[in-house]
């Protein structure tokens, strides 16, 4: 999206439509507020005139006029501020919802291109800048702009010749504002990048706090954060310098024009003499213009920051979500999977090469290979987290692209190595999303199958116990069992186990393995594992290396081939097998 500043702001203003009534009320309030400034200048003329030639009722109507102007100013200011803030906060709320919705629907590639700090900065910091552009900037623009227009009109009414002379500085003011606008936008973009870097550094360090402490990373992480924060400080100071110079330069130009005006008005013979009351009113009005004019120049900073922020906000909102071209709804799949000539590339690198295999409904296929061989990438193709570069994957002989995304993903349960738990109750974490209608009894049954009920029942509020962020109050094995319980509750015909028992000790894994064997019955299961116990009983084992299937067969067949699987078995499986057999003997 390549939009100029006006196009961006015009799009931002298009969000006004549902709140047009309140916006018009705010304009009315600010115009009323602005008129009191002009009314004050008129009142000053009348006061001076009455002092020269007092009327009988001046001592009554002039004080009443002062009070009336003050009341009108207060009422106008309140109506304008309340109505505009209501509109602005409603728009920001809508924008924030659209941003978050767009982020949730981003294709997986977008998450890999930017870290979470980038999107958090847009959601929080950039939206705050948009708030400033739609509140303080618009407020100043309407209120002070109307004030300047009213005062200018009165100046021309008093003496149009002096007024033209006074505004001789306008072209110079326009040049100053134009230069400042370009610099504000450039600095605002740098500040947004700095905030994204700060958010990224903080999030990364907090999430990896255990590693930071264990490996003595305190100093290096602190240095990275301080460097990001220092960069933000530098950009902020540059913004401050620009804003600070912008206002006094404009004031100097206005003051110079005012000084020239006084010189011309007082120099003998240059102009026709004015009445004292009119000349004083003219000077007062010209002086009153300086403050709102300065305020108008000062909105340039937040306005340009808001426009720059709005551009990044709209870029996220306009991101294309996941492609859902399917039209088929399926209630429950049988579970037959076919991979035909599947190739997948990421960042122009071929990650998976010519993958071919078939898994009949209810069978288990295990993916084995060194780290980085493409096992998890292959599994991620099933729920269409990534789309194929070529080839096709079929579920029950229908290409995945022909299924609606939601319908396809309803057929798949996933248990990952990295367990995701939310800051909510245990029940809400298991009966998550589309499972929220499940009963307590069904949740309890899923916990029992996952061998998780033993520790959940000991918690203070049972399944209603509130978990902290990521469930860190629980052990790794406990978190993993809750994730397994979630997959059990979903009861999907296709199950993906991506290192599902990696976080468990051998004692816990024995019970979990029994649970998984029950869960895997009558389900098509894709197992990614380094442990023998989750591989040796698979119907077929696929050995992957550099994105290719280099060996296939069952456990005994692959050992007899004496290839890569046999090497992996000797390196890791053999030791784990001995431990497992020892545990079984002791039990």
Foldseek 3Di string as FASTA:
>chain_A
DDDDLVVLVVVLCVLCVVLVVLQVQLLVLLLLLLVLLLVVLVLLLVVVVCVVPNDPCCVPVSVVSVVVSVVSNVRSVVSNQVSQLVSLVVSLVVLLVLLVVLVVQAFPLVCVVAPPLLSVLLNPVLSVLLSCLSHVLVSLCSNLVSNLVSLLVVLCVLPVVLSVLLCPLVVVLVVLLVVLLVLLLVLLVQLSVLSSQLSRLVVVCVVCVVVCVVVVVPVVSVVSNVVSVVSNVVSVVVLVVSLVVSLVVVLVSSVVSLVVSVCQQPPPPNDDHHDPSSVVSSSSSSVVSSVSVSSNSNSSNSNSSNSSSSVVSVVSSPRDGDDQPADDADDAAQAKKWFAQFWADDPNHTQAGGDTDIDGFLAEEEEDEDPSLCQVVVVCPQLPSDDTPDTFMDGVNHTPSNYGSVRSCLQEAEQALQFAAAQFFLLCRLCDDVSVPDDPVLLCVLLVLLVLQVVLVVDPVRRRDGADHRNVVDASLNSLSSSSSSSLSSLHQEYEYHQSCVRDDLVSVVSNLNSVVVSSGSHYYYYYHLECSVAQPGQKYFYGGSNYGPDMDHDVVVCVVVDPSVVSCVVPHVVNVVVNVVVVVVD
